[in-house]
């Protein structure tokens, strides 16, 4: 028989070199995916926080502009015709 045509050999679980390998690999993969998901959640939260801060600052800039225009209008006094 050639090596490529050899029948598969199935060892009993007690004879396997690393019998717990599939569960360990599943746990490792699950841990890796969970870590990637956590990293993605951090990035999404950071982007949302930066975006919200930008909108808050632009709103405050508008309020400052309104306050300055109001002050200059008040300081100018009544307009005479």
Foldseek 3Di string as FASTA:
>chain_A
DDPVPDDDDDDPLVPDPCNCVVVVVVVVVVVVVVVVVVVVVVVVVVVVVVVVVVVVVVVVVVVVVVVVVVVVVVVVPDDDD
